[in-house]
């Protein structure tokens, strides 16, 4: 699949790049995508939820009512889960939600997600994406030139660029990633993906078969 290369003014440079078929042209594997997204979201969870069980509440252990004849459920002290303000039965405890996923599955998921975007013609390639100074106004001008200002955007750079990051961080629906840190969730979440030519080279080295 060939894609026109644009400059940051939104003009066609007259050159084309061929997207690697082993990355952008495979038959997507939906189950691999599901597993990778599930792991990504699970890893975002802090797992610090906690509620107190009966033995952890402070309160008198005196039995409030007689065992039988009260007309209601049997209960003991004021910490009983049956009472308002009492403990919780089998409440949540801190835990780690992360789980292991094989590298080959994660690579397959990223290639599948990128193939979906290629099928939807949602990939734009620019020759370079640099800013001399961190200015949000300049970044907005660039995405307006590329006619993607109204899209949910993922910008993929070959490596970290502080000026671009500072210019884009306050813009809603714009995310940035380096090619080596690209993940399936962000690819699927974006409506349009902007890649630089150098980003494609990095991705070829990481994701190609």
C-alpha atoms as a PDB file:
ATOM      1  CA  UNK A   1       0.000   0.000   0.000  1.00  0.00           C
ATOM      2  CA  UNK A   2       1.425   3.361  -1.077  1.00  0.00           C
ATOM      3  CA  UNK A   3       0.789   6.625   0.778  1.00  0.00           C
ATOM      4  CA  UNK A   4       1.632  10.154  -0.311  1.00  0.00           C
ATOM      5  CA  UNK A   5       4.221  11.943   1.807  1.00  0.00           C
ATOM      6  CA  UNK A   6       3.140  15.397   2.980  1.00  0.00           C
ATOM      7  CA  UNK A   7       5.077  18.231   4.581  1.00  0.00           C
ATOM      8  CA  UNK A   8       3.916  20.101   7.693  1.00  0.00           C
ATOM      9  CA  UNK A   9       2.262  22.702   5.470  1.00  0.00           C
ATOM     10  CA  UNK A  10      -0.102  19.994   4.229  1.00  0.00           C
ATOM     11  CA  UNK A  11       1.440  20.024   0.747  1.00  0.00           C
ATOM     12  CA  UNK A  12       2.168  16.886  -1.251  1.00  0.00           C
ATOM     13  CA  UNK A  13       5.933  16.445  -1.615  1.00  0.00           C
ATOM     14  CA  UNK A  14       5.470  14.339  -4.753  1.00  0.00           C
ATOM     15  CA  UNK A  15       6.972  11.314  -3.049  1.00  0.00           C
ATOM     16  CA  UNK A  16       5.286   8.123  -1.910  1.00  0.00           C
ATOM     17  CA  UNK A  17       6.163   5.549   0.727  1.00  0.00           C
ATOM     18  CA  UNK A  18       5.146   1.921   0.684  1.00  0.00           C
ATOM     19  CA  UNK A  19       3.700   0.708   3.948  1.00  0.00           C
ATOM     20  CA  UNK A  20       5.137  -2.619   5.053  1.00  0.00           C
ATOM     21  CA  UNK A  21       2.565  -5.298   4.221  1.00  0.00           C
ATOM     22  CA  UNK A  22       3.602  -7.407   7.229  1.00  0.00           C
ATOM     23  CA  UNK A  23       2.616  -4.510   9.522  1.00  0.00           C
ATOM     24  CA  UNK A  24      -0.134  -2.607   7.713  1.00  0.00           C
ATOM     25  CA  UNK A  25      -1.560  -5.289   5.429  1.00  0.00           C
ATOM     26  CA  UNK A  26      -2.200  -8.410   7.504  1.00  0.00           C
ATOM     27  CA  UNK A  27      -5.527 -10.068   8.287  1.00  0.00           C
ATOM     28  CA  UNK A  28      -6.312  -8.511  11.700  1.00  0.00           C
ATOM     29  CA  UNK A  29      -6.530 -10.862  14.668  1.00  0.00           C
ATOM     30  CA  UNK A  30      -9.374  -9.572  16.864  1.00  0.00           C
ATOM     31  CA  UNK A  31      -8.602 -11.883  19.779  1.00  0.00           C
ATOM     32  CA  UNK A  32      -5.002 -10.669  19.992  1.00  0.00           C
ATOM     33  CA  UNK A  33      -6.305  -7.089  19.985  1.00  0.00           C
ATOM     34  CA  UNK A  34      -8.748  -7.952  22.773  1.00  0.00           C
ATOM     35  CA  UNK A  35      -6.019  -9.483  24.943  1.00  0.00           C
ATOM     36  CA  UNK A  36      -3.599  -6.593  24.435  1.00  0.00           C
ATOM     37  CA  UNK A  37      -6.213  -3.927  25.171  1.00  0.00           C
ATOM     38  CA  UNK A  38      -7.400  -5.895  28.205  1.00  0.00           C
ATOM     39  CA  UNK A  39      -3.841  -6.034  29.549  1.00  0.00           C
ATOM     40  CA  UNK A  40      -3.268  -2.311  28.887  1.00  0.00           C
ATOM     41  CA  UNK A  41      -6.426  -1.317  30.769  1.00  0.00           C
ATOM     42  CA  UNK A  42      -5.707  -3.775  33.581  1.00  0.00           C
ATOM     43  CA  UNK A  43      -2.247  -2.285  34.031  1.00  0.00           C
ATOM     44  CA  UNK A  44      -3.784   1.175  34.468  1.00  0.00           C
ATOM     45  CA  UNK A  45      -5.751   0.039  37.520  1.00  0.00           C
ATOM     46  CA  UNK A  46      -4.231   1.036  40.853  1.00  0.00           C
ATOM     47  CA  UNK A  47      -5.908  -1.798  42.718  1.00  0.00           C
ATOM     48  CA  UNK A  48      -5.927   0.187  45.981  1.00  0.00           C
ATOM     49  CA  UNK A  49      -9.634  -0.381  46.710  1.00  0.00           C
ATOM     50  CA  UNK A  50     -10.343  -1.479  50.260  1.00  0.00           C
ATOM     51  CA  UNK A  51     -13.323  -1.817  52.568  1.00  0.00           C
ATOM     52  CA  UNK A  52     -13.240  -2.881  56.212  1.00  0.00           C
ATOM     53  CA  UNK A  53     -14.388  -6.304  57.242  1.00  0.00           C
ATOM     54  CA  UNK A  54     -15.846  -7.205  60.601  1.00  0.00           C
ATOM     55  CA  UNK A  55     -12.559  -7.791  62.411  1.00  0.00           C
ATOM     56  CA  UNK A  56     -11.179  -4.417  61.274  1.00  0.00           C
ATOM     57  CA  UNK A  57     -13.982  -2.170  62.585  1.00  0.00           C
ATOM     58  CA  UNK A  58     -13.728  -0.503  65.963  1.00  0.00           C
ATOM     59  CA  UNK A  59     -16.821  -0.960  68.075  1.00  0.00           C
ATOM     60  CA  UNK A  60     -18.178  -2.822  71.051  1.00  0.00           C
ATOM     61  CA  UNK A  61     -18.390  -6.587  70.798  1.00  0.00           C
ATOM     62  CA  UNK A  62     -21.416  -6.681  73.110  1.00  0.00           C
ATOM     63  CA  UNK A  63     -24.279  -8.715  71.678  1.00  0.00           C
ATOM     64  CA  UNK A  64     -27.080  -6.227  71.060  1.00  0.00           C
ATOM     65  CA  UNK A  65     -30.102  -8.533  71.252  1.00  0.00           C
ATOM     66  CA  UNK A  66     -31.044 -11.985  72.333  1.00  0.00           C
ATOM     67  CA  UNK A  67     -30.392 -14.913  70.044  1.00  0.00           C
ATOM     68  CA  UNK A  68     -34.037 -15.855  69.471  1.00  0.00           C
ATOM     69  CA  UNK A  69     -37.469 -14.333  69.704  1.00  0.00           C
ATOM     70  CA  UNK A  70     -36.634 -10.889  68.352  1.00  0.00           C
ATOM     71  CA  UNK A  71     -38.553 -11.423  65.136  1.00  0.00           C
ATOM     72  CA  UNK A  72     -35.590 -10.606  62.899  1.00  0.00           C
ATOM     73  CA  UNK A  73     -32.310 -12.033  61.717  1.00  0.00           C
ATOM     74  CA  UNK A  74     -29.763 -13.146  64.270  1.00  0.00           C
ATOM     75  CA  UNK A  75     -26.979 -10.660  64.763  1.00  0.00           C
ATOM     76  CA  UNK A  76     -24.190 -10.109  67.207  1.00  0.00           C
ATOM     77  CA  UNK A  77     -22.341  -6.867  67.898  1.00  0.00           C
ATOM     78  CA  UNK A  78     -22.690  -3.419  66.365  1.00  0.00           C
ATOM     79  CA  UNK A  79     -20.122  -4.291  63.671  1.00  0.00           C
ATOM     80  CA  UNK A  80     -22.469  -6.843  62.096  1.00  0.00           C
ATOM     81  CA  UNK A  81     -22.823  -6.520  58.307  1.00  0.00           C
ATOM     82  CA  UNK A  82     -26.594  -6.674  58.838  1.00  0.00           C
ATOM     83  CA  UNK A  83     -26.605  -3.247  60.497  1.00  0.00           C
ATOM     84  CA  UNK A  84     -26.236   0.194  58.978  1.00  0.00           C
ATOM     85  CA  UNK A  85     -22.631   1.289  59.412  1.00  0.00           C
ATOM     86  CA  UNK A  86     -21.495  -2.280  59.950  1.00  0.00           C
ATOM     87  CA  UNK A  87     -18.721  -4.133  58.194  1.00  0.00           C
ATOM     88  CA  UNK A  88     -18.852  -5.452  54.654  1.00  0.00           C
ATOM     89  CA  UNK A  89     -18.863  -9.139  53.846  1.00  0.00           C
ATOM     90  CA  UNK A  90     -16.039 -10.209  51.518  1.00  0.00           C
ATOM     91  CA  UNK A  91     -15.280  -6.601  50.600  1.00  0.00           C
ATOM     92  CA  UNK A  92     -12.618  -5.579  48.065  1.00  0.00           C
ATOM     93  CA  UNK A  93      -8.963  -5.806  49.074  1.00  0.00           C
ATOM     94  CA  UNK A  94      -5.855  -4.296  47.446  1.00  0.00           C
ATOM     95  CA  UNK A  95      -4.703  -6.424  44.537  1.00  0.00           C
ATOM     96  CA  UNK A  96      -2.613  -6.342  41.395  1.00  0.00           C
ATOM     97  CA  UNK A  97      -4.675  -6.578  38.199  1.00  0.00           C
ATOM     98  CA  UNK A  98      -1.744  -6.891  35.784  1.00  0.00           C
ATOM     99  CA  UNK A  99      -1.126 -10.112  33.903  1.00  0.00           C
ATOM    100  CA  UNK A 100       1.454 -11.500  31.506  1.00  0.00           C
ATOM    101  CA  UNK A 101       1.017 -11.485  27.760  1.00  0.00           C
ATOM    102  CA  UNK A 102       3.468 -13.016  25.298  1.00  0.00           C
ATOM    103  CA  UNK A 103       5.496 -10.573  23.211  1.00  0.00           C
ATOM    104  CA  UNK A 104       4.409 -12.207  19.952  1.00  0.00           C
ATOM    105  CA  UNK A 105       0.745 -11.692  20.860  1.00  0.00           C
ATOM    106  CA  UNK A 106       1.370  -8.023  21.641  1.00  0.00           C
ATOM    107  CA  UNK A 107       3.203  -7.524  18.345  1.00  0.00           C
ATOM    108  CA  UNK A 108       0.396  -9.269  16.449  1.00  0.00           C
ATOM    109  CA  UNK A 109      -2.158  -7.025  18.184  1.00  0.00           C
ATOM    110  CA  UNK A 110      -0.312  -3.838  17.186  1.00  0.00           C
ATOM    111  CA  UNK A 111       0.050  -5.019  13.604  1.00  0.00           C
ATOM    112  CA  UNK A 112      -3.653  -5.921  13.534  1.00  0.00           C
ATOM    113  CA  UNK A 113      -4.670  -2.495  14.854  1.00  0.00           C
ATOM    114  CA  UNK A 114      -2.435  -0.714  12.319  1.00  0.00           C
ATOM    115  CA  UNK A 115      -3.866  -2.877   9.516  1.00  0.00           C
ATOM    116  CA  UNK A 116      -7.375  -1.789  10.507  1.00  0.00           C
ATOM    117  CA  UNK A 117      -6.286   1.856  10.299  1.00  0.00           C
ATOM    118  CA  UNK A 118      -4.669   1.280   6.918  1.00  0.00           C
ATOM    119  CA  UNK A 119      -7.887  -0.315   5.637  1.00  0.00           C
ATOM    120  CA  UNK A 120      -9.791   2.778   6.788  1.00  0.00           C
ATOM    121  CA  UNK A 121      -7.288   5.133   5.077  1.00  0.00           C
ATOM    122  CA  UNK A 122      -6.706   6.711   8.483  1.00  0.00           C
ATOM    123  CA  UNK A 123      -2.909   6.962   8.186  1.00  0.00           C
ATOM    124  CA  UNK A 124      -1.070  10.128   7.178  1.00  0.00           C
ATOM    125  CA  UNK A 125       2.680  10.189   6.520  1.00  0.00           C
ATOM    126  CA  UNK A 126       4.659  13.424   6.869  1.00  0.00           C
ATOM    127  CA  UNK A 127       8.311  13.869   5.988  1.00  0.00           C
ATOM    128  CA  UNK A 128       9.128  15.405   9.363  1.00  0.00           C
ATOM    129  CA  UNK A 129       7.388  16.858  12.396  1.00  0.00           C
ATOM    130  CA  UNK A 130       9.564  19.245  14.379  1.00  0.00           C
ATOM    131  CA  UNK A 131       9.068  22.593  16.073  1.00  0.00           C
ATOM    132  CA  UNK A 132      11.818  25.078  16.905  1.00  0.00           C
ATOM    133  CA  UNK A 133       9.932  26.333  19.955  1.00  0.00           C
ATOM    134  CA  UNK A 134       7.155  24.859  22.105  1.00  0.00           C
ATOM    135  CA  UNK A 135       4.140  26.764  20.771  1.00  0.00           C
ATOM    136  CA  UNK A 136       0.636  25.346  20.829  1.00  0.00           C
ATOM    137  CA  UNK A 137      -0.401  27.854  18.169  1.00  0.00           C
ATOM    138  CA  UNK A 138       2.181  26.436  15.736  1.00  0.00           C
ATOM    139  CA  UNK A 139       1.041  22.877  16.415  1.00  0.00           C
ATOM    140  CA  UNK A 140      -2.596  23.845  15.749  1.00  0.00           C
ATOM    141  CA  UNK A 141      -1.510  25.464  12.480  1.00  0.00           C
ATOM    142  CA  UNK A 142       0.152  22.226  11.383  1.00  0.00           C
ATOM    143  CA  UNK A 143      -2.864  20.013  12.101  1.00  0.00           C
ATOM    144  CA  UNK A 144      -5.086  22.566  10.365  1.00  0.00           C
ATOM    145  CA  UNK A 145      -2.796  22.355   7.325  1.00  0.00           C
ATOM    146  CA  UNK A 146      -3.123  18.575   7.386  1.00  0.00           C
ATOM    147  CA  UNK A 147      -6.936  18.937   7.691  1.00  0.00           C
ATOM    148  CA  UNK A 148      -7.125  16.771  10.812  1.00  0.00           C
ATOM    149  CA  UNK A 149      -7.915  19.389  13.463  1.00  0.00           C
ATOM    150  CA  UNK A 150     -11.366  17.889  14.066  1.00  0.00           C
ATOM    151  CA  UNK A 151     -10.051  14.323  14.396  1.00  0.00           C
ATOM    152  CA  UNK A 152      -8.961  12.298  17.391  1.00  0.00           C
ATOM    153  CA  UNK A 153      -5.263  12.241  16.628  1.00  0.00           C
ATOM    154  CA  UNK A 154      -2.278  10.039  17.447  1.00  0.00           C
ATOM    155  CA  UNK A 155       1.100  11.473  16.456  1.00  0.00           C
ATOM    156  CA  UNK A 156       3.901   8.898  16.256  1.00  0.00           C
ATOM    157  CA  UNK A 157       7.467  10.225  16.329  1.00  0.00           C
ATOM    158  CA  UNK A 158      10.723   8.246  15.969  1.00  0.00           C
ATOM    159  CA  UNK A 159      11.874   9.497  19.381  1.00  0.00           C
ATOM    160  CA  UNK A 160      10.859  11.949  22.075  1.00  0.00           C
ATOM    161  CA  UNK A 161      10.571  15.607  21.054  1.00  0.00           C
ATOM    162  CA  UNK A 162      10.109  18.010  23.957  1.00  0.00           C
ATOM    163  CA  UNK A 163       8.972  20.966  21.853  1.00  0.00           C
ATOM    164  CA  UNK A 164       6.276  18.954  20.065  1.00  0.00           C
ATOM    165  CA  UNK A 165       5.150  17.354  23.343  1.00  0.00           C
ATOM    166  CA  UNK A 166       4.831  20.719  25.135  1.00  0.00           C
ATOM    167  CA  UNK A 167       2.991  22.190  22.136  1.00  0.00           C
ATOM    168  CA  UNK A 168       0.443  19.375  21.954  1.00  0.00           C
ATOM    169  CA  UNK A 169      -0.183  18.369  25.569  1.00  0.00           C
ATOM    170  CA  UNK A 170      -3.000  20.857  26.205  1.00  0.00           C
ATOM    171  CA  UNK A 171      -4.912  20.091  23.019  1.00  0.00           C
ATOM    172  CA  UNK A 172      -7.948  17.892  23.483  1.00  0.00           C
ATOM    173  CA  UNK A 173      -8.030  14.629  21.510  1.00  0.00           C
ATOM    174  CA  UNK A 174      -4.329  14.761  20.628  1.00  0.00           C
ATOM    175  CA  UNK A 175      -1.972  12.040  21.877  1.00  0.00           C
ATOM    176  CA  UNK A 176       1.696  11.490  21.199  1.00  0.00           C
ATOM    177  CA  UNK A 177       3.804   8.359  21.193  1.00  0.00           C
ATOM    178  CA  UNK A 178       7.234   7.256  20.113  1.00  0.00           C
ATOM    179  CA  UNK A 179       7.339   4.455  17.553  1.00  0.00           C
ATOM    180  CA  UNK A 180       8.924   2.056  20.043  1.00  0.00           C
ATOM    181  CA  UNK A 181       6.267   2.761  22.715  1.00  0.00           C
ATOM    182  CA  UNK A 182       3.261   2.477  20.406  1.00  0.00           C
ATOM    183  CA  UNK A 183       0.435   0.456  21.937  1.00  0.00           C
ATOM    184  CA  UNK A 184      -2.701  -1.145  20.536  1.00  0.00           C
ATOM    185  CA  UNK A 185      -5.149   0.814  22.691  1.00  0.00           C
ATOM    186  CA  UNK A 186      -3.931   4.239  21.501  1.00  0.00           C
ATOM    187  CA  UNK A 187      -3.914   3.106  17.865  1.00  0.00           C
ATOM    188  CA  UNK A 188      -7.526   1.941  18.041  1.00  0.00           C
ATOM    189  CA  UNK A 189      -8.606   4.980  20.081  1.00  0.00           C
ATOM    190  CA  UNK A 190      -7.387   7.433  17.440  1.00  0.00           C
ATOM    191  CA  UNK A 191      -9.369   8.400  14.353  1.00  0.00           C
ATOM    192  CA  UNK A 192      -6.227   9.413  12.446  1.00  0.00           C
ATOM    193  CA  UNK A 193      -2.607   8.365  12.888  1.00  0.00           C
ATOM    194  CA  UNK A 194       0.179  10.701  11.768  1.00  0.00           C
ATOM    195  CA  UNK A 195       3.518   8.987  11.126  1.00  0.00           C
ATOM    196  CA  UNK A 196       6.830  10.468  10.097  1.00  0.00           C
ATOM    197  CA  UNK A 197       9.052   8.692   7.599  1.00  0.00           C
ATOM    198  CA  UNK A 198      11.601   7.976  10.345  1.00  0.00           C
ATOM    199  CA  UNK A 199       8.829   6.514  12.528  1.00  0.00           C
ATOM    200  CA  UNK A 200       8.028   4.025   9.782  1.00  0.00           C
ATOM    201  CA  UNK A 201      11.656   2.898   9.716  1.00  0.00           C
ATOM    202  CA  UNK A 202      11.645   2.338  13.490  1.00  0.00           C
ATOM    203  CA  UNK A 203       8.368   0.427  13.291  1.00  0.00           C
ATOM    204  CA  UNK A 204       9.717  -1.753  10.479  1.00  0.00           C
ATOM    205  CA  UNK A 205      12.550  -2.810  12.739  1.00  0.00           C
ATOM    206  CA  UNK A 206      10.279  -3.587  15.705  1.00  0.00           C
ATOM    207  CA  UNK A 207       7.077  -5.000  14.193  1.00  0.00           C
ATOM    208  CA  UNK A 208       7.991  -6.579  10.864  1.00  0.00           C
ATOM    209  CA  UNK A 209       8.327 -10.333  10.582  1.00  0.00           C
END
